[in-house]
Amino acid sequence: MTVSSVPERRAALARYDGAVVVDLLVLSYLQHGTPYWPRSDTLAGSAEDILGARTWTQLHTRLSAT
């Protein structure tokens, strides 16, 4: 499975209703052991998507580097 860029992923998820997003999270959990696998490419993006927290620029750079 190809993971899209963060903006593409956010736009795609915004088009789905809550039930579809929950189904996607459940499928991710069953296939990868975590519902957050689609966001595993960027820790800063995960913090923004899941927690709604915007990170500072320096922290964002460090999280993205890991």
N, C-alpha and C. Protein backbone atom coordinates (compact mmCIF):
# COMPACT_ATOMS: atom_id res chain seq x y z
N MET A 1 0.84 -1.17 0.00
CA MET A 1 0.00 0.00 0.00
C MET A 1 0.88 1.24 0.00
N THR A 2 0.59 2.16 -0.88
CA THR A 2 1.33 3.41 -0.95
C THR A 2 0.70 4.42 -0.01
N VAL A 3 1.53 5.03 0.81
CA VAL A 3 1.05 6.05 1.72
C VAL A 3 1.19 7.39 1.01
N SER A 4 0.09 8.14 0.94
CA SER A 4 0.11 9.43 0.27
C SER A 4 0.76 10.48 1.16
N SER A 5 0.98 11.65 0.58
CA SER A 5 1.55 12.73 1.36
C SER A 5 0.54 13.19 2.41
N VAL A 6 1.03 13.90 3.41
CA VAL A 6 0.16 14.34 4.50
C VAL A 6 -1.01 15.18 3.99
N PRO A 7 -0.80 16.19 3.14
CA PRO A 7 -1.95 16.97 2.65
C PRO A 7 -2.95 16.13 1.86
N GLU A 8 -2.46 15.20 1.05
CA GLU A 8 -3.36 14.33 0.29
C GLU A 8 -4.17 13.44 1.22
N ARG A 9 -3.50 12.90 2.25
CA ARG A 9 -4.17 12.02 3.21
C ARG A 9 -5.24 12.79 3.97
N ARG A 10 -4.92 14.00 4.41
CA ARG A 10 -5.90 14.81 5.14
C ARG A 10 -7.10 15.14 4.26
N ALA A 11 -6.86 15.47 3.01
CA ALA A 11 -7.95 15.80 2.09
C ALA A 11 -8.84 14.58 1.86
N ALA A 12 -8.22 13.41 1.71
CA ALA A 12 -9.00 12.19 1.49
C ALA A 12 -9.85 11.86 2.71
N LEU A 13 -9.26 11.93 3.90
CA LEU A 13 -10.01 11.62 5.11
C LEU A 13 -11.13 12.62 5.36
N ALA A 14 -10.94 13.86 4.94
CA ALA A 14 -11.98 14.89 5.13
C ALA A 14 -13.22 14.60 4.29
N ARG A 15 -13.04 13.85 3.20
CA ARG A 15 -14.18 13.52 2.33
C ARG A 15 -15.06 12.41 2.91
N TYR A 16 -14.52 11.62 3.84
CA TYR A 16 -15.26 10.49 4.39
C TYR A 16 -16.03 10.88 5.63
N ASP A 17 -17.15 10.19 5.85
CA ASP A 17 -17.87 10.42 7.10
C ASP A 17 -17.22 9.61 8.22
N GLY A 18 -17.62 9.86 9.44
CA GLY A 18 -17.01 9.24 10.61
C GLY A 18 -17.00 7.72 10.58
N ALA A 19 -18.08 7.11 10.09
CA ALA A 19 -18.16 5.65 10.07
C ALA A 19 -17.11 5.05 9.15
N VAL A 20 -16.85 5.69 8.03
CA VAL A 20 -15.85 5.18 7.09
C VAL A 20 -14.45 5.32 7.69
N VAL A 21 -14.20 6.44 8.36
CA VAL A 21 -12.89 6.64 8.99
C VAL A 21 -12.66 5.59 10.07
N VAL A 22 -13.68 5.29 10.86
CA VAL A 22 -13.56 4.25 11.88
C VAL A 22 -13.26 2.91 11.23
N ASP A 23 -13.94 2.59 10.15
CA ASP A 23 -13.68 1.33 9.43
C ASP A 23 -12.22 1.28 8.95
N LEU A 24 -11.72 2.39 8.44
CA LEU A 24 -10.33 2.43 7.98
C LEU A 24 -9.35 2.22 9.13
N LEU A 25 -9.65 2.82 10.29
CA LEU A 25 -8.79 2.63 11.46
C LEU A 25 -8.81 1.19 11.94
N VAL A 26 -9.98 0.56 11.91
CA VAL A 26 -10.09 -0.85 12.32
C VAL A 26 -9.31 -1.74 11.35
N LEU A 27 -9.45 -1.49 10.06
CA LEU A 27 -8.70 -2.28 9.08
C LEU A 27 -7.20 -2.09 9.25
N SER A 28 -6.78 -0.87 9.52
CA SER A 28 -5.36 -0.62 9.76
C SER A 28 -4.88 -1.39 10.98
N TYR A 29 -5.70 -1.41 12.03
CA TYR A 29 -5.33 -2.15 13.25
C TYR A 29 -5.21 -3.64 12.95
N LEU A 30 -6.15 -4.19 12.20
CA LEU A 30 -6.13 -5.62 11.91
C LEU A 30 -4.95 -6.00 11.02
N GLN A 31 -4.59 -5.15 10.08
CA GLN A 31 -3.51 -5.46 9.15
C GLN A 31 -2.13 -5.11 9.67
N HIS A 32 -2.03 -4.04 10.47
CA HIS A 32 -0.71 -3.53 10.86
C HIS A 32 -0.48 -3.49 12.36
N GLY A 33 -1.50 -3.82 13.14
CA GLY A 33 -1.34 -3.83 14.59
C GLY A 33 -1.53 -2.49 15.26
N THR A 34 -1.83 -1.46 14.48
CA THR A 34 -2.09 -0.14 15.03
C THR A 34 -3.04 0.63 14.11
N PRO A 35 -3.99 1.35 14.69
CA PRO A 35 -4.88 2.13 13.83
C PRO A 35 -4.18 3.36 13.25
N TYR A 36 -3.01 3.68 13.74
CA TYR A 36 -2.32 4.89 13.31
C TYR A 36 -1.26 4.64 12.25
N TRP A 37 -1.20 3.45 11.71
CA TRP A 37 -0.19 3.12 10.71
C TRP A 37 -0.19 4.09 9.52
N PRO A 38 -1.33 4.53 9.00
CA PRO A 38 -1.27 5.46 7.86
C PRO A 38 -0.55 6.76 8.19
N ARG A 39 -0.42 7.07 9.47
CA ARG A 39 0.25 8.30 9.86
C ARG A 39 1.67 8.06 10.37
N SER A 40 2.17 6.85 10.21
CA SER A 40 3.46 6.50 10.79
C SER A 40 4.64 7.18 10.10
N ASP A 41 4.42 7.78 8.95
CA ASP A 41 5.52 8.42 8.24
C ASP A 41 5.87 9.79 8.79
N THR A 42 5.01 10.36 9.62
CA THR A 42 5.29 11.68 10.15
C THR A 42 4.73 11.83 11.56
N LEU A 43 5.62 11.93 12.54
CA LEU A 43 5.16 12.10 13.91
C LEU A 43 4.48 13.45 14.11
N ALA A 44 5.00 14.49 13.49
CA ALA A 44 4.39 15.81 13.62
C ALA A 44 2.99 15.80 13.02
N GLY A 45 2.84 15.15 11.88
CA GLY A 45 1.52 15.05 11.26
C GLY A 45 0.56 14.26 12.12
N SER A 46 1.06 13.24 12.79
CA SER A 46 0.22 12.46 13.70
C SER A 46 -0.27 13.31 14.85
N ALA A 47 0.62 14.11 15.41
CA ALA A 47 0.23 14.98 16.52
C ALA A 47 -0.84 15.97 16.07
N GLU A 48 -0.72 16.48 14.86
CA GLU A 48 -1.71 17.42 14.35
C GLU A 48 -3.03 16.72 14.04
N ASP A 49 -2.97 15.57 13.39
CA ASP A 49 -4.20 14.86 12.98
C ASP A 49 -4.95 14.27 14.16
N ILE A 50 -4.24 13.62 15.06
CA ILE A 50 -4.88 12.87 16.13
C ILE A 50 -5.17 13.76 17.33
N LEU A 51 -4.19 14.54 17.75
CA LEU A 51 -4.35 15.36 18.94
C LEU A 51 -4.86 16.76 18.64
N GLY A 52 -4.79 17.16 17.38
CA GLY A 52 -5.18 18.51 17.02
C GLY A 52 -4.17 19.53 17.49
N ALA A 53 -2.96 19.09 17.80
CA ALA A 53 -1.93 19.98 18.33
C ALA A 53 -0.99 20.40 17.22
N ARG A 54 -0.76 21.67 17.14
CA ARG A 54 0.23 22.19 16.20
C ARG A 54 1.55 22.31 16.95
N THR A 55 2.58 21.76 16.36
CA THR A 55 3.87 21.79 17.02
C THR A 55 4.64 23.03 16.61
N TRP A 56 5.55 23.44 17.45
CA TRP A 56 6.42 24.56 17.11
C TRP A 56 7.32 24.13 15.96
N THR A 57 7.82 25.10 15.26
CA THR A 57 8.63 24.82 14.08
C THR A 57 9.83 23.94 14.40
N GLN A 58 10.56 24.26 15.46
CA GLN A 58 11.75 23.47 15.81
C GLN A 58 11.36 22.06 16.22
N LEU A 59 10.30 21.93 17.03
CA LEU A 59 9.85 20.61 17.44
C LEU A 59 9.34 19.84 16.23
N HIS A 60 8.63 20.50 15.35
CA HIS A 60 8.12 19.86 14.14
C HIS A 60 9.28 19.30 13.31
N THR A 61 10.33 20.07 13.18
CA THR A 61 11.50 19.61 12.41
C THR A 61 12.12 18.39 13.06
N ARG A 62 12.23 18.40 14.38
CA ARG A 62 12.82 17.25 15.06
C ARG A 62 11.93 16.01 14.96
N LEU A 63 10.63 16.20 15.11
CA LEU A 63 9.72 15.06 15.00
C LEU A 63 9.72 14.50 13.60
N SER A 64 9.78 15.36 12.60
CA SER A 64 9.79 14.90 11.21
C SER A 64 11.08 14.18 10.86
N ALA A 65 12.17 14.50 11.56
CA ALA A 65 13.46 13.89 11.27
C ALA A 65 13.58 12.48 11.81
N THR A 66 12.72 12.11 12.77
CA THR A 66 12.83 10.78 13.37
C THR A 66 12.16 9.72 12.55
